[in-house]
Every structure is written in structure tokens, then in C-alpha cells.
Amino acid sequence: MASNKSSKALLGAAFLMATSAVGPGFLTQTTVFTSQLATSFGFIILISVVIDLCVQFNIWQIVTVSGKHAQDLANELFPGLGYLLAFLIVVGGLAFNIGNVAGAGLGIEAMTGVPVTTGAIVSAAMAIGIFLFKEAGKAMDTFSKILGLIMIGLILYVAFTSHPPFLEAIHHTFLPEKFDAASTLTLVGGTVGGYISFAGAHRLLDSGMKGKEALPQVNRGAATGILVTAIIRYLLFLATLGIILTGAHINPDNPTASIFENAAGQFGKQMFGLMIWSAAITSVVGAAYTSISFLRSFHPLLEKYHTYLTIVFILISTTVFLFVGKPVKVLIFVGTLNGFVLPIALGILLVASRKSKIMGLYKHPYFLQIIGWIVVLVMVGLGIKAI
């Protein structure tokens, strides 16, 4: 029974991380960069998946073995550092969530014709409803798993109906014709940057999974989360590739919708609506949960009222969207911003992993430490080149 409970918590954490990553920004970034790089974008996806795995294994292992949230690890490493990390994560999560709320509104509009603002408000209310459940964690896990599978099914359908050049795409995935640093930085930032990689790690802690004995399960969950995002990303890349090679017009204001409409007409538009709504609403939940998880350990009152803080976080995101709007450029920018936050967060955890006063007798694998620092340097280099 305990093993079954652990497996459910593990799968829930993996899907929470994956669906937190697969938001409107993820869809927009993938479509835009495929339009720019064509088949060579497959190589960018491959490189980003390798980096994502290195990041996720490091973060999930250090957090779960220590049994402490990332901000607490940072504060133990250097007093005040945890507050800085929490600030960066929460600000990035809030910015991302504004786009997530907008995406949910766009999805409902595409499915039903209801105005975007109305759809955004309804979606925000649904997300808030999840956190009002007594068993909010279980509800969040189930919600993420169901909508994650729906997203995979929808993109799989469009990928095959758009008839992409599979052999050429696979060839250039390993031997690209061109490379772009900015798109790599954005993809990594949009998959494991900012709050995203911590979503699953903090969810495991809150479900009671921690300590060295949990490592095999933790690693399996970390790999599952990245695999799910990689499958969705590559399928969307293939779908977009098949459409753009026909010479179809891609609407810059809503590029992903163009792909679905070109693939399946009016039905495709409604499929896009369901797709982006699923991506957006799960990301609203994931961003809110994880961002507040970076605050709740700072004071007993924050811990006691963390559910209400999560609801306020969603309300603020929705209110800002209603007054600001225009999410497409913001979605790509925030993915890049989270790419800059990533080396800071990962660097802090890698240093903390070497401190026995924080980690006890646990020795974080040297291999993971080395590739972790390589990722930090690569991300800093990509960031400098992108600027």
C-alpha cells in the first residue's frame, strides 16, 4: 500500500513538473523557433533535453535527500541567500503565470467563442478551486496527469496529420545545419528554469518522500518528467515543421493556433483551444503551488495560510493579465529570463550539496556535481551570447 502511494506521489510530481513546463510559453516558443530553424530545431531540443536531465537530477536529488526546500538550503548555506532565491523564483513564477492565465483564456475562446478575459477569469476560478480541496495535493496530481495525457494525444494527432519530413528531421536532430544560442537558453529556461524544476522536487517533499533511501524513485520521477516534456516538445516540433514546409501562413500573434488550424481546419482550432487551455491551466496550478512553496517555510503564519497565499498569487496573476494583456512576446521573454535564473539556483544547490552540516553523511555524486557545474557555465555562456 505504501509503495503504491509512493508511486502515485512520484508520478504526480513528474507530471506536475512536466505540465508546469508545458504552458502557453512552451507551445509558443516551440512553434516560433521551429519556424526560424526548421529541421535543425530538433538538435536544439536534443541539447536542451540533455541539459534538462543534468539539472533535474541534481536539483531533485539534493532537495529530497536533504529533506529541505531549496530556499532553506540556500539560507543555511549563507544567511539571506534563500530570500534572494525565493524572490527570483516568485517574480519569475508570477510573470510566467500572467501568460498562463492569458493562455487559458485564449483556449476557452478558441473552443467556445467566449471572450478571452471571461475565459481567463473562469480558468483562474477553476485553479483556485483545486487548492480549496482538503486533499489539494492529490487533486493537483490527478489534474496534472489527466490533462498531460490529453495534451500528448492532441499533439500526436496533429503531428501525424501534418505529414512532417520524419527522416530529415531525425537526421538534423543529430547533425544540424545551424545552431542558435538564444533558442537553447530559452528552451532550457522554459523547461527546468525558474520555478519549474523545483515544482516536482518540492511536491515530493510535501508528499513525504525524502532521504537517501528514496533516491531510486526520485531519479525515476525526474527522468519521467523530462521525458514527458521532451515527447510533447518533439511532437509539436514535427507538427509545426509539417505545416510550415507547405508554405502555410503562421500568425505571429498566435503561432500555435495557426499550426492546429492548418492541420485540421475549424476542428483544429477547437483542438488548439483544448490543448492550450490544458497547458495553461496546469501551469497556473504548478506555478502558483511552487512559487508559494518558496515562501511558506520562512514563517509559521506563511505555512499556516499557504493555501490562501496560493489563491492570492493566482488572483494577482489574473488581475495583471486583465489590465496588461499581449502575452506572446512576454511568454518568450520570461522563458529566457528563467534561463538566467537557472544557473544561480543550480549553483547554490551544488555548493550546498558539499556541506556536511546541510547534507549530513550524504555525498552527492561527483559525476552529477561536475556535469551540474558544466551546465551552470554553459547556461551563463549562452546567456552572455544571447545578450
Protein backbone atom coordinates (compact mmCIF):
# COMPACT_ATOMS: atom_id res chain seq x y z
CA MET A 1 0.00 0.00 0.00
CA ALA A 2 2.83 2.38 0.96
CA SER A 3 4.66 1.52 -2.25
CA ASN A 4 1.55 2.26 -4.31
CA LYS A 5 1.16 5.59 -2.51
CA SER A 6 4.81 6.46 -3.25
CA SER A 7 4.39 5.56 -6.92
CA LYS A 8 1.35 7.81 -7.21
CA ALA A 9 3.19 10.67 -5.49
CA LEU A 10 6.18 10.14 -7.79
CA LEU A 11 4.07 10.13 -10.96
CA GLY A 12 2.16 13.13 -9.68
CA ALA A 13 5.40 15.05 -9.07
CA ALA A 14 6.73 14.12 -12.53
CA PHE A 15 3.54 15.27 -14.26
CA LEU A 16 3.34 18.42 -12.12
CA MET A 17 6.85 19.34 -13.26
CA ALA A 18 6.07 18.42 -16.90
CA THR A 19 2.75 20.23 -17.08
CA SER A 20 4.27 23.24 -15.27
CA ALA A 21 6.81 23.37 -18.12
CA VAL A 22 4.28 22.77 -20.90
CA GLY A 23 2.42 26.05 -20.68
CA PRO A 24 1.47 28.61 -23.35
CA GLY A 25 5.08 29.85 -23.36
CA PHE A 26 6.36 26.34 -24.09
CA LEU A 27 3.94 25.99 -27.03
CA THR A 28 4.71 29.47 -28.37
CA GLN A 29 8.49 29.05 -28.06
CA THR A 30 8.44 25.68 -29.83
CA THR A 31 6.33 26.97 -32.72
CA VAL A 32 8.30 30.20 -33.18
CA PHE A 33 11.73 28.54 -33.07
CA THR A 34 10.66 25.74 -35.44
CA SER A 35 9.56 28.43 -37.92
CA GLN A 36 13.00 30.04 -37.63
CA LEU A 37 15.27 26.96 -37.58
CA ALA A 38 13.18 24.33 -39.42
CA THR A 39 14.60 20.78 -39.07
CA SER A 40 17.68 22.00 -37.15
CA PHE A 41 15.44 22.86 -34.22
CA GLY A 42 15.42 19.13 -33.43
CA PHE A 43 19.08 19.49 -32.40
CA ILE A 44 18.20 22.37 -30.06
CA ILE A 45 15.58 20.12 -28.46
CA LEU A 46 18.11 17.29 -28.08
CA ILE A 47 20.72 19.56 -26.46
CA SER A 48 18.13 21.07 -24.14
CA VAL A 49 16.91 17.62 -23.04
CA VAL A 50 20.48 16.59 -22.09
CA ILE A 51 20.91 19.82 -20.09
CA ASP A 52 17.44 19.41 -18.56
CA LEU A 53 18.28 15.92 -17.29
CA CYS A 54 21.53 17.12 -15.71
CA VAL A 55 19.71 19.96 -13.98
CA GLN A 56 16.75 17.91 -12.82
CA PHE A 57 18.78 15.02 -11.39
CA ASN A 58 20.90 17.46 -9.40
CA ILE A 59 18.02 19.55 -8.05
CA TRP A 60 15.69 16.66 -7.21
CA GLN A 61 18.42 14.62 -5.51
CA ILE A 62 19.81 17.48 -3.40
CA VAL A 63 16.38 18.71 -2.31
CA THR A 64 14.85 15.32 -1.48
CA VAL A 65 17.92 13.82 0.24
CA SER A 66 18.32 16.91 2.43
CA GLY A 67 14.59 16.92 3.17
CA LYS A 68 14.64 20.73 2.89
CA HIS A 69 13.11 23.16 0.45
CA ALA A 70 15.59 24.93 -1.83
CA GLN A 71 15.25 28.31 -0.09
CA ASP A 72 16.05 26.72 3.28
CA LEU A 73 19.14 25.05 1.82
CA ALA A 74 20.24 28.44 0.45
CA ASN A 75 19.70 30.18 3.80
CA GLU A 76 21.71 27.50 5.62
CA LEU A 77 24.50 27.94 3.08
CA PHE A 78 24.56 31.73 3.55
CA PRO A 79 22.02 33.68 5.65
CA GLY A 80 19.75 35.73 3.38
CA LEU A 81 20.61 33.80 0.22
CA GLY A 82 17.34 31.86 0.46
CA TYR A 83 15.36 35.10 0.43
CA LEU A 84 17.14 36.19 -2.76
CA LEU A 85 16.46 32.81 -4.39
CA ALA A 86 12.81 32.95 -3.32
CA PHE A 87 12.48 36.47 -4.74
CA LEU A 88 13.88 35.41 -8.13
CA ILE A 89 11.66 32.33 -8.27
CA VAL A 90 8.47 34.09 -7.19
CA VAL A 91 8.94 37.04 -9.55
CA GLY A 92 9.65 34.69 -12.47
CA GLY A 93 6.72 32.47 -11.48
CA LEU A 94 4.37 35.43 -11.29
CA ALA A 95 5.45 36.71 -14.70
CA PHE A 96 5.01 33.23 -16.18
CA ASN A 97 1.61 32.89 -14.55
CA ILE A 98 0.32 36.06 -16.20
CA GLY A 99 0.98 34.36 -19.54
CA ASN A 100 -0.52 31.11 -18.26
CA VAL A 101 -3.78 32.84 -17.32
CA ALA A 102 -3.83 34.55 -20.71
CA GLY A 103 -3.30 31.19 -22.43
CA ALA A 104 -6.19 29.65 -20.54
CA GLY A 105 -8.41 32.49 -21.71
CA LEU A 106 -7.25 32.04 -25.32
CA GLY A 107 -8.01 28.33 -25.08
CA ILE A 108 -11.58 28.81 -23.92
CA GLU A 109 -12.12 31.46 -26.61
CA ALA A 110 -10.92 29.05 -29.31
CA MET A 111 -13.19 26.26 -28.02
CA THR A 112 -16.33 28.25 -27.29
CA GLY A 113 -16.06 31.79 -28.66
CA VAL A 114 -16.28 33.23 -25.13
CA PRO A 115 -14.15 36.41 -24.73
CA VAL A 116 -10.55 35.83 -23.61
CA THR A 117 -10.98 37.83 -20.40
CA THR A 118 -14.03 35.81 -19.39
CA GLY A 119 -12.21 32.56 -20.15
CA ALA A 120 -9.23 33.71 -18.08
CA ILE A 121 -11.43 34.50 -15.08
CA VAL A 122 -13.27 31.15 -15.32
CA SER A 123 -9.96 29.26 -15.59
CA ALA A 124 -8.47 31.12 -12.63
CA ALA A 125 -11.56 30.21 -10.60
CA MET A 126 -11.08 26.53 -11.52
CA ALA A 127 -7.42 26.64 -10.48
CA ILE A 128 -8.38 28.26 -7.17
CA GLY A 129 -10.99 25.53 -6.68
CA ILE A 130 -8.27 22.86 -6.74
CA PHE A 131 -6.49 24.49 -3.80
CA LEU A 132 -9.72 24.70 -1.82
CA PHE A 133 -9.96 20.90 -1.75
CA LYS A 134 -8.99 19.31 1.55
CA GLU A 135 -6.74 16.92 -0.38
CA ALA A 136 -5.37 19.65 -2.67
CA GLY A 137 -2.12 17.76 -3.34
CA LYS A 138 -3.90 14.67 -4.63
CA ALA A 139 -6.32 16.76 -6.68
CA MET A 140 -3.39 18.63 -8.23
CA ASP A 141 -1.59 15.37 -9.09
CA THR A 142 -4.67 13.83 -10.72
CA PHE A 143 -5.46 17.03 -12.61
CA SER A 144 -1.90 17.25 -13.98
CA LYS A 145 -1.81 13.59 -15.08
CA ILE A 146 -5.15 13.65 -16.92
CA LEU A 147 -4.52 16.91 -18.78
CA GLY A 148 -0.90 15.90 -19.51
CA LEU A 149 -2.11 12.77 -21.30
CA ILE A 150 -4.74 14.80 -23.20
CA MET A 151 -2.02 17.17 -24.43
CA ILE A 152 0.15 14.29 -25.68
CA GLY A 153 -2.82 12.78 -27.53
CA LEU A 154 -3.77 16.06 -29.24
CA ILE A 155 -0.24 16.89 -30.41
CA LEU A 156 0.31 13.31 -31.55
CA TYR A 157 -2.74 13.60 -33.81
CA VAL A 158 -1.61 16.90 -35.33
CA ALA A 159 1.99 15.70 -35.74
CA PHE A 160 0.90 12.80 -37.92
CA THR A 161 -1.78 14.65 -39.90
CA SER A 162 0.67 17.44 -40.85
CA HIS A 163 2.97 14.88 -42.60
CA PRO A 164 6.37 16.22 -41.47
CA PRO A 165 9.63 15.02 -43.11
CA PHE A 166 10.48 12.49 -40.38
CA LEU A 167 13.81 11.25 -41.79
CA GLU A 168 15.16 14.76 -42.45
CA ALA A 169 14.02 15.91 -39.01
CA ILE A 170 15.73 12.99 -37.27
CA HIS A 171 18.90 13.48 -39.37
CA HIS A 172 19.17 17.17 -38.42
CA THR A 173 18.35 16.39 -34.80
CA PHE A 174 21.82 14.83 -34.60
CA LEU A 175 23.58 16.73 -37.42
CA PRO A 176 22.08 20.23 -37.56
CA GLU A 177 22.53 22.73 -40.35
CA LYS A 178 22.51 25.67 -37.93
CA PHE A 179 22.58 26.44 -34.20
CA ASP A 180 21.07 29.26 -32.14
CA ALA A 181 22.19 30.06 -28.57
CA ALA A 182 19.15 32.18 -27.67
CA SER A 183 16.67 29.43 -28.54
CA THR A 184 18.69 26.89 -26.50
CA LEU A 185 18.74 29.20 -23.48
CA THR A 186 15.01 29.84 -23.84
CA LEU A 187 14.14 26.14 -24.16
CA VAL A 188 16.14 25.15 -21.10
CA GLY A 189 14.75 28.10 -19.16
CA GLY A 190 11.23 27.17 -20.23
CA THR A 191 11.64 23.51 -19.21
CA VAL A 192 13.69 23.48 -15.98
CA GLY A 193 14.39 27.16 -15.37
CA GLY A 194 12.95 29.35 -12.64
CA TYR A 195 10.35 27.56 -10.54
CA ILE A 196 9.71 24.64 -12.92
CA SER A 197 12.28 22.03 -11.87
CA PHE A 198 11.52 22.76 -8.22
CA ALA A 199 7.82 22.02 -8.78
CA GLY A 200 8.35 18.25 -8.71
CA ALA A 201 11.09 18.30 -6.04
CA HIS A 202 9.03 20.36 -3.59
CA ARG A 203 5.94 18.27 -4.36
CA LEU A 204 7.88 15.11 -3.37
CA LEU A 205 8.91 16.71 -0.08
CA ASP A 206 5.34 17.72 0.68
CA SER A 207 4.16 14.17 -0.04
CA GLY A 208 6.69 12.82 2.49
CA MET A 209 9.28 11.40 0.07
CA LYS A 210 12.76 12.32 1.28
CA GLY A 211 16.07 10.86 2.39
CA LYS A 212 18.79 8.85 0.66
CA GLU A 213 16.63 5.70 0.51
CA ALA A 214 14.20 7.49 -1.82
CA LEU A 215 16.88 8.21 -4.48
CA PRO A 216 15.98 5.40 -6.95
CA GLN A 217 12.36 6.59 -7.07
CA VAL A 218 13.37 10.24 -7.17
CA ASN A 219 15.64 9.65 -10.16
CA ARG A 220 12.90 7.74 -11.95
CA GLY A 221 10.46 10.59 -11.35
CA ALA A 222 12.99 13.21 -12.51
CA ALA A 223 13.62 11.31 -15.74
CA THR A 224 9.89 10.77 -16.32
CA GLY A 225 9.16 14.48 -16.01
CA ILE A 226 11.82 15.42 -18.57
CA LEU A 227 10.76 12.57 -20.89
CA VAL A 228 7.14 13.75 -20.91
CA THR A 229 8.16 17.33 -21.77
CA ALA A 230 10.59 16.08 -24.45
CA ILE A 231 7.90 13.97 -26.13
CA ILE A 232 5.45 16.88 -26.20
CA ARG A 233 8.13 19.29 -27.46
CA TYR A 234 9.33 16.98 -30.25
CA LEU A 235 5.81 16.10 -31.40
CA LEU A 236 4.89 19.80 -31.56
CA PHE A 237 8.13 20.46 -33.46
CA LEU A 238 7.18 17.80 -36.03
CA ALA A 239 3.63 19.15 -36.31
CA THR A 240 4.89 22.70 -36.84
CA LEU A 241 7.53 21.53 -39.30
CA GLY A 242 4.99 19.72 -41.46
CA ILE A 243 2.81 22.83 -41.66
CA ILE A 244 5.49 25.47 -42.32
CA LEU A 245 7.05 23.39 -45.13
CA THR A 246 3.74 23.61 -47.01
CA GLY A 247 4.20 27.40 -47.06
CA ALA A 248 1.21 28.00 -44.79
CA HIS A 249 0.90 31.40 -43.14
CA ILE A 250 1.76 31.40 -39.43
CA ASN A 251 0.00 34.12 -37.45
CA PRO A 252 2.71 35.81 -35.30
CA ASP A 253 0.09 36.82 -32.71
CA ASN A 254 -0.98 33.22 -32.15
CA PRO A 255 1.53 30.90 -33.90
CA THR A 256 0.48 27.60 -32.29
CA ALA A 257 -3.18 28.17 -33.21
CA SER A 258 -2.09 28.54 -36.85
CA ILE A 259 -0.49 25.08 -36.76
CA PHE A 260 -3.63 23.38 -35.46
CA GLU A 261 -5.94 25.27 -37.85
CA ASN A 262 -3.79 24.47 -40.88
CA ALA A 263 -3.70 20.81 -39.84
CA ALA A 264 -7.41 20.29 -39.18
CA GLY A 265 -9.40 23.43 -40.04
CA GLN A 266 -12.15 24.54 -37.64
CA PHE A 267 -11.82 21.29 -35.70
CA GLY A 268 -8.12 22.05 -35.41
CA LYS A 269 -8.94 25.43 -33.89
CA GLN A 270 -11.04 23.75 -31.22
CA MET A 271 -8.30 21.17 -30.66
CA PHE A 272 -5.87 24.03 -30.19
CA GLY A 273 -8.25 25.56 -27.69
CA LEU A 274 -8.34 22.39 -25.61
CA MET A 275 -4.58 21.97 -25.98
CA ILE A 276 -3.56 25.44 -24.88
CA TRP A 277 -6.19 25.50 -22.12
CA SER A 278 -4.86 22.20 -20.74
CA ALA A 279 -1.30 23.50 -20.94
CA ALA A 280 -2.21 26.83 -19.38
CA ILE A 281 -4.42 25.70 -16.51
CA THR A 282 -1.95 23.05 -15.34
CA SER A 283 0.83 25.64 -15.49
CA VAL A 284 -1.27 28.10 -13.47
CA VAL A 285 -1.60 25.42 -10.78
CA GLY A 286 2.08 24.42 -10.93
CA ALA A 287 3.44 27.98 -10.91
CA ALA A 288 1.23 29.04 -8.01
CA TYR A 289 1.99 25.94 -5.91
CA THR A 290 5.76 26.07 -6.46
CA SER A 291 6.16 29.83 -6.09
CA ILE A 292 4.38 29.81 -2.73
CA SER A 293 6.40 26.74 -1.64
CA PHE A 294 9.42 29.08 -1.74
CA LEU A 295 7.79 31.36 0.83
CA ARG A 296 5.90 29.13 3.23
CA SER A 297 8.91 27.95 5.29
CA PHE A 298 10.01 31.50 6.18
CA HIS A 299 7.40 31.96 8.93
CA PRO A 300 4.82 29.76 10.70
CA LEU A 301 2.00 32.06 9.56
CA LEU A 302 3.06 31.66 5.92
CA GLU A 303 2.99 27.89 6.40
CA LYS A 304 -0.39 28.01 8.12
CA TYR A 305 -2.02 30.16 5.45
CA HIS A 306 -0.10 28.94 2.38
CA THR A 307 -3.35 27.87 0.64
CA TYR A 308 -4.69 31.41 0.84
CA LEU A 309 -1.35 32.79 -0.37
CA THR A 310 -1.58 30.47 -3.37
CA ILE A 311 -5.05 31.76 -4.16
CA VAL A 312 -3.86 35.39 -3.85
CA PHE A 313 -0.97 34.57 -6.21
CA ILE A 314 -3.45 33.33 -8.84
CA LEU A 315 -5.70 36.37 -8.32
CA ILE A 316 -2.76 38.77 -8.79
CA SER A 317 -1.69 36.96 -12.00
CA THR A 318 -5.23 37.18 -13.36
CA THR A 319 -5.67 40.84 -12.43
CA VAL A 320 -2.39 41.84 -14.10
CA PHE A 321 -3.36 39.99 -17.28
CA LEU A 322 -6.76 41.69 -17.39
CA PHE A 323 -5.04 45.09 -17.32
CA VAL A 324 -1.96 44.30 -19.45
CA GLY A 325 -2.69 41.51 -21.98
CA LYS A 326 -0.42 40.86 -25.02
CA PRO A 327 1.18 37.60 -23.84
CA VAL A 328 3.14 36.23 -26.86
CA LYS A 329 6.31 38.35 -26.55
CA VAL A 330 6.13 38.14 -22.75
CA LEU A 331 5.98 34.33 -22.90
CA ILE A 332 9.21 34.07 -24.91
CA PHE A 333 10.97 36.72 -22.79
CA VAL A 334 10.07 35.02 -19.50
CA GLY A 335 11.42 31.68 -20.77
CA THR A 336 14.72 33.45 -21.42
CA LEU A 337 14.56 35.16 -18.01
CA ASN A 338 14.13 31.80 -16.28
CA GLY A 339 17.16 30.59 -18.23
CA PHE A 340 19.20 33.26 -16.43
CA VAL A 341 17.74 32.30 -13.02
CA LEU A 342 18.65 28.63 -13.55
CA PRO A 343 22.47 28.84 -13.18
CA ILE A 344 22.04 30.90 -9.99
CA ALA A 345 19.64 28.39 -8.40
CA LEU A 346 21.60 25.34 -9.54
CA GLY A 347 24.92 26.85 -8.44
CA ILE A 348 23.54 27.49 -4.94
CA LEU A 349 22.34 23.89 -4.59
CA LEU A 350 25.60 22.44 -5.91
CA VAL A 351 27.60 24.37 -3.32
CA ALA A 352 25.11 23.33 -0.60
CA SER A 353 25.48 19.67 -1.62
CA ARG A 354 29.13 19.77 -0.50
CA LYS A 355 28.31 20.96 3.04
CA SER A 356 28.01 18.17 5.61
CA LYS A 357 26.18 20.47 8.04
CA ILE A 358 23.41 20.69 5.44
CA MET A 359 23.51 17.24 3.80
CA GLY A 360 24.70 15.12 6.76
CA LEU A 361 26.58 11.98 5.70
CA TYR A 362 25.25 12.05 2.14
CA LYS A 363 27.85 12.54 -0.59
CA HIS A 364 26.35 13.96 -3.75
CA PRO A 365 27.82 12.02 -6.74
CA TYR A 366 30.90 13.68 -8.21
CA PHE A 367 29.66 12.96 -11.71
CA LEU A 368 26.45 14.92 -11.09
CA GLN A 369 28.40 17.74 -9.47
CA ILE A 370 30.76 18.01 -12.45
CA ILE A 371 28.03 17.98 -15.10
CA GLY A 372 26.00 20.34 -12.90
CA TRP A 373 28.80 22.91 -12.91
CA ILE A 374 29.29 22.39 -16.65
CA VAL A 375 25.60 23.21 -17.13
CA VAL A 376 25.99 26.34 -14.97
CA LEU A 377 28.90 27.52 -17.12
CA VAL A 378 27.11 26.60 -20.37
CA MET A 379 23.96 28.48 -19.31
CA VAL A 380 26.00 31.54 -18.32
CA GLY A 381 27.82 31.37 -21.66
CA LEU A 382 24.56 31.01 -23.62
CA GLY A 383 23.12 33.92 -21.66
CA ILE A 384 26.09 36.17 -22.49
CA LYS A 385 25.95 35.14 -26.15
CA ALA A 386 22.18 35.69 -26.29
CA ILE A 387 22.62 39.24 -24.91
